[in-house]
Amino acid sequence: MFGIFKKKSAKEKLQNKYEKLLKEAHSLSTVDRKKSDGKIVEAEEIMKQLEKLNV
């Protein structure tokens, strides 16, 4: 009907997680560079998983 009860696909879940990690990395970049770099590494791993789903 309105998509209220529509479940998200695995791809959508990974994309949301990727975007969330990048936002966290950006906000941490001014405070703690090491944690920011860790978030970026996590985001890159999720991007690799997304690329596998697209193939």
N, C-alpha and C. Protein backbone atom coordinates (compact mmCIF):
# COMPACT_ATOMS: atom_id res chain seq x y z
N MET A 1 0.83 -1.18 0.00
CA MET A 1 0.00 0.00 0.00
C MET A 1 0.88 1.25 0.00
N PHE A 2 1.47 1.59 1.11
CA PHE A 2 2.35 2.75 1.17
C PHE A 2 3.80 2.37 1.37
N GLY A 3 4.07 1.09 1.40
CA GLY A 3 5.44 0.65 1.63
C GLY A 3 5.82 0.65 3.10
N ILE A 4 4.84 0.77 3.97
CA ILE A 4 5.12 0.82 5.41
C ILE A 4 5.69 -0.50 5.89
N PHE A 5 5.13 -1.58 5.40
CA PHE A 5 5.54 -2.89 5.87
C PHE A 5 6.53 -3.58 4.95
N LYS A 6 7.01 -2.85 3.97
CA LYS A 6 7.98 -3.40 3.04
C LYS A 6 9.32 -3.57 3.75
N LYS A 7 9.87 -4.77 3.66
CA LYS A 7 11.18 -5.02 4.27
C LYS A 7 12.28 -4.51 3.35
N LYS A 8 13.33 -4.04 3.97
CA LYS A 8 14.47 -3.56 3.19
C LYS A 8 15.28 -4.74 2.69
N SER A 9 15.80 -4.59 1.50
CA SER A 9 16.66 -5.63 0.94
C SER A 9 18.03 -5.55 1.59
N ALA A 10 18.82 -6.57 1.39
CA ALA A 10 20.17 -6.60 1.94
C ALA A 10 20.99 -5.44 1.39
N LYS A 11 20.77 -5.12 0.12
CA LYS A 11 21.50 -4.03 -0.52
C LYS A 11 21.15 -2.69 0.15
N GLU A 12 19.88 -2.46 0.41
CA GLU A 12 19.46 -1.22 1.05
C GLU A 12 20.02 -1.10 2.46
N LYS A 13 20.04 -2.21 3.18
CA LYS A 13 20.58 -2.20 4.54
C LYS A 13 22.06 -1.85 4.52
N LEU A 14 22.81 -2.44 3.59
CA LEU A 14 24.24 -2.16 3.50
C LEU A 14 24.49 -0.71 3.10
N GLN A 15 23.67 -0.19 2.18
CA GLN A 15 23.84 1.20 1.77
C GLN A 15 23.60 2.16 2.93
N ASN A 16 22.57 1.88 3.73
CA ASN A 16 22.29 2.72 4.89
C ASN A 16 23.44 2.67 5.90
N LYS A 17 23.97 1.46 6.12
CA LYS A 17 25.07 1.31 7.06
C LYS A 17 26.32 2.03 6.54
N TYR A 18 26.57 1.94 5.24
CA TYR A 18 27.70 2.62 4.62
C TYR A 18 27.60 4.13 4.82
N GLU A 19 26.43 4.69 4.54
CA GLU A 19 26.23 6.12 4.68
C GLU A 19 26.39 6.56 6.14
N LYS A 20 25.88 5.75 7.06
CA LYS A 20 25.99 6.07 8.48
C LYS A 20 27.45 6.10 8.92
N LEU A 21 28.23 5.12 8.46
CA LEU A 21 29.65 5.07 8.83
C LEU A 21 30.41 6.27 8.27
N LEU A 22 30.08 6.68 7.05
CA LEU A 22 30.77 7.84 6.48
C LEU A 22 30.43 9.11 7.24
N LYS A 23 29.18 9.25 7.67
CA LYS A 23 28.80 10.42 8.47
C LYS A 23 29.53 10.43 9.80
N GLU A 24 29.63 9.26 10.44
CA GLU A 24 30.35 9.17 11.71
C GLU A 24 31.83 9.50 11.51
N ALA A 25 32.40 8.99 10.43
CA ALA A 25 33.81 9.27 10.15
C ALA A 25 34.04 10.76 9.95
N HIS A 26 33.12 11.40 9.26
CA HIS A 26 33.26 12.83 9.02
C HIS A 26 33.19 13.62 10.33
N SER A 27 32.25 13.26 11.18
CA SER A 27 32.12 13.99 12.44
C SER A 27 33.30 13.72 13.38
N LEU A 28 33.87 12.52 13.31
CA LEU A 28 35.02 12.18 14.15
C LEU A 28 36.32 12.77 13.62
N SER A 29 36.36 13.15 12.35
CA SER A 29 37.61 13.60 11.74
C SER A 29 38.20 14.83 12.43
N THR A 30 37.36 15.65 13.03
CA THR A 30 37.89 16.84 13.71
C THR A 30 38.28 16.56 15.14
N VAL A 31 37.78 15.45 15.70
CA VAL A 31 38.01 15.15 17.11
C VAL A 31 39.09 14.08 17.28
N ASP A 32 38.91 12.96 16.61
CA ASP A 32 39.82 11.83 16.79
C ASP A 32 40.08 11.17 15.43
N ARG A 33 41.21 11.50 14.86
CA ARG A 33 41.53 11.04 13.51
C ARG A 33 41.64 9.52 13.43
N LYS A 34 42.14 8.88 14.45
CA LYS A 34 42.33 7.43 14.44
C LYS A 34 40.97 6.72 14.36
N LYS A 35 40.01 7.17 15.15
CA LYS A 35 38.67 6.57 15.11
C LYS A 35 38.01 6.84 13.76
N SER A 36 38.23 8.03 13.22
CA SER A 36 37.68 8.38 11.92
C SER A 36 38.21 7.44 10.84
N ASP A 37 39.50 7.18 10.88
CA ASP A 37 40.11 6.27 9.91
C ASP A 37 39.53 4.86 10.06
N GLY A 38 39.27 4.44 11.28
CA GLY A 38 38.68 3.13 11.52
C GLY A 38 37.28 3.02 10.91
N LYS A 39 36.49 4.09 11.02
CA LYS A 39 35.15 4.11 10.44
C LYS A 39 35.22 4.05 8.92
N ILE A 40 36.21 4.71 8.36
CA ILE A 40 36.37 4.70 6.90
C ILE A 40 36.73 3.30 6.43
N VAL A 41 37.57 2.60 7.17
CA VAL A 41 37.94 1.22 6.82
C VAL A 41 36.70 0.33 6.86
N GLU A 42 35.87 0.50 7.90
CA GLU A 42 34.63 -0.28 8.00
C GLU A 42 33.72 0.01 6.80
N ALA A 43 33.62 1.29 6.42
CA ALA A 43 32.78 1.68 5.29
C ALA A 43 33.30 1.06 3.99
N GLU A 44 34.61 0.99 3.84
CA GLU A 44 35.18 0.38 2.63
C GLU A 44 34.85 -1.10 2.55
N GLU A 45 34.85 -1.78 3.69
CA GLU A 45 34.50 -3.20 3.72
C GLU A 45 33.04 -3.40 3.29
N ILE A 46 32.18 -2.52 3.73
CA ILE A 46 30.77 -2.61 3.34
C ILE A 46 30.62 -2.32 1.85
N MET A 47 31.41 -1.38 1.33
CA MET A 47 31.36 -1.09 -0.11
C MET A 47 31.78 -2.31 -0.92
N LYS A 48 32.75 -3.05 -0.44
CA LYS A 48 33.16 -4.28 -1.13
C LYS A 48 32.02 -5.28 -1.15
N GLN A 49 31.27 -5.38 -0.05
CA GLN A 49 30.12 -6.29 0.00
C GLN A 49 29.03 -5.83 -0.98
N LEU A 50 28.83 -4.53 -1.07
CA LEU A 50 27.83 -3.99 -2.02
C LEU A 50 28.23 -4.30 -3.45
N GLU A 51 29.52 -4.18 -3.75
CA GLU A 51 29.98 -4.48 -5.10
C GLU A 51 29.78 -5.95 -5.44
N LYS A 52 29.96 -6.82 -4.47
CA LYS A 52 29.73 -8.25 -4.70
C LYS A 52 28.26 -8.51 -5.00
N LEU A 53 27.35 -7.78 -4.34
CA LEU A 53 25.92 -7.96 -4.58
C LEU A 53 25.52 -7.48 -5.96
N ASN A 54 26.21 -6.45 -6.46
CA ASN A 54 25.88 -5.90 -7.77
C ASN A 54 26.35 -6.78 -8.91
N VAL A 55 27.33 -7.60 -8.68
CA VAL A 55 27.87 -8.45 -9.75
C VAL A 55 27.04 -9.64 -9.99
